[in-house]
C-alpha atoms as a PDB file:
ATOM      1  CA  UNK A   1     141.336 148.207  89.280  1.00  0.00           C
ATOM      2  CA  UNK A   2     139.853 150.155  86.331  1.00  0.00           C
ATOM      3  CA  UNK A   3     136.126 150.869  86.342  1.00  0.00           C
ATOM      4  CA  UNK A   4     133.601 152.100  83.792  1.00  0.00           C
ATOM      5  CA  UNK A   5     130.058 153.353  84.113  1.00  0.00           C
ATOM      6  CA  UNK A   6     127.013 151.403  82.996  1.00  0.00           C
ATOM      7  CA  UNK A   7     125.525 152.675  79.805  1.00  0.00           C
ATOM      8  CA  UNK A   8     122.080 152.300  81.203  1.00  0.00           C
ATOM      9  CA  UNK A   9     122.076 153.543  84.818  1.00  0.00           C
ATOM     10  CA  UNK A  10     125.494 155.153  85.200  1.00  0.00           C
ATOM     11  CA  UNK A  11     126.511 152.810  88.078  1.00  0.00           C
ATOM     12  CA  UNK A  12     130.270 152.117  88.397  1.00  0.00           C
ATOM     13  CA  UNK A  13     131.270 148.709  87.169  1.00  0.00           C
ATOM     14  CA  UNK A  14     134.314 146.625  86.225  1.00  0.00           C
ATOM     15  CA  UNK A  15     136.190 147.914  83.166  1.00  0.00           C
ATOM     16  CA  UNK A  16     135.562 144.920  80.882  1.00  0.00           C
ATOM     17  CA  UNK A  17     131.753 145.057  81.155  1.00  0.00           C
ATOM     18  CA  UNK A  18     129.347 147.594  79.493  1.00  0.00           C
ATOM     19  CA  UNK A  19     126.127 146.930  81.357  1.00  0.00           C
ATOM     20  CA  UNK A  20     125.817 146.285  85.116  1.00  0.00           C
ATOM     21  CA  UNK A  21     124.335 143.017  86.432  1.00  0.00           C
ATOM     22  CA  UNK A  22     121.205 144.886  87.585  1.00  0.00           C
ATOM     23  CA  UNK A  23     120.430 146.358  84.090  1.00  0.00           C
ATOM     24  CA  UNK A  24     121.302 142.957  82.437  1.00  0.00           C
ATOM     25  CA  UNK A  25     118.843 141.116  84.691  1.00  0.00           C
ATOM     26  CA  UNK A  26     116.122 143.699  83.876  1.00  0.00           C
ATOM     27  CA  UNK A  27     116.729 143.401  80.163  1.00  0.00           C
ATOM     28  CA  UNK A  28     116.633 139.566  80.305  1.00  0.00           C
ATOM     29  CA  UNK A  29     113.350 139.644  82.286  1.00  0.00           C
ATOM     30  CA  UNK A  30     111.916 141.889  79.650  1.00  0.00           C
ATOM     31  CA  UNK A  31     112.858 139.641  76.798  1.00  0.00           C
ATOM     32  CA  UNK A  32     111.575 136.533  78.776  1.00  0.00           C
ATOM     33  CA  UNK A  33     108.094 138.233  78.941  1.00  0.00           C
ATOM     34  CA  UNK A  34     108.141 139.124  75.294  1.00  0.00           C
ATOM     35  CA  UNK A  35     109.033 135.497  74.367  1.00  0.00           C
ATOM     36  CA  UNK A  36     106.362 134.219  76.658  1.00  0.00           C
ATOM     37  CA  UNK A  37     103.778 136.447  74.975  1.00  0.00           C
ATOM     38  CA  UNK A  38     104.821 135.358  71.510  1.00  0.00           C
ATOM     39  CA  UNK A  39     104.626 131.675  72.375  1.00  0.00           C
ATOM     40  CA  UNK A  40     101.173 132.114  73.937  1.00  0.00           C
ATOM     41  CA  UNK A  41      99.873 133.824  70.808  1.00  0.00           C
ATOM     42  CA  UNK A  42     101.333 131.154  68.546  1.00  0.00           C
ATOM     43  CA  UNK A  43      99.817 128.389  70.739  1.00  0.00           C
ATOM     44  CA  UNK A  44      96.341 130.107  70.671  1.00  0.00           C
ATOM     45  CA  UNK A  45      96.448 130.531  66.933  1.00  0.00           C
ATOM     46  CA  UNK A  46      97.539 126.926  66.494  1.00  0.00           C
ATOM     47  CA  UNK A  47      94.687 125.722  68.871  1.00  0.00           C
ATOM     48  CA  UNK A  48      92.213 127.883  66.876  1.00  0.00           C
ATOM     49  CA  UNK A  49      93.318 126.270  63.531  1.00  0.00           C
ATOM     50  CA  UNK A  50      93.095 122.703  64.874  1.00  0.00           C
ATOM     51  CA  UNK A  51      89.617 123.339  66.430  1.00  0.00           C
ATOM     52  CA  UNK A  52      88.321 124.933  63.336  1.00  0.00           C
ATOM     53  CA  UNK A  53      89.357 121.922  61.218  1.00  0.00           C
ATOM     54  CA  UNK A  54      87.776 119.474  63.670  1.00  0.00           C
ATOM     55  CA  UNK A  55      84.358 121.361  63.503  1.00  0.00           C
ATOM     56  CA  UNK A  56      84.161 120.910  59.746  1.00  0.00           C
END
């Protein structure tokens, strides 16, 4: 069985993959946190606009 090394951590992996499962999981968790932050900011901005229009 051929093996490669992970581009991020250097761990030995199967030849047809470029990033090991551990690094892929960390990358996905990072992007989930970024996405959650963006959605929170957008929701806060929308709430602020709706509240401002109700006060007038």
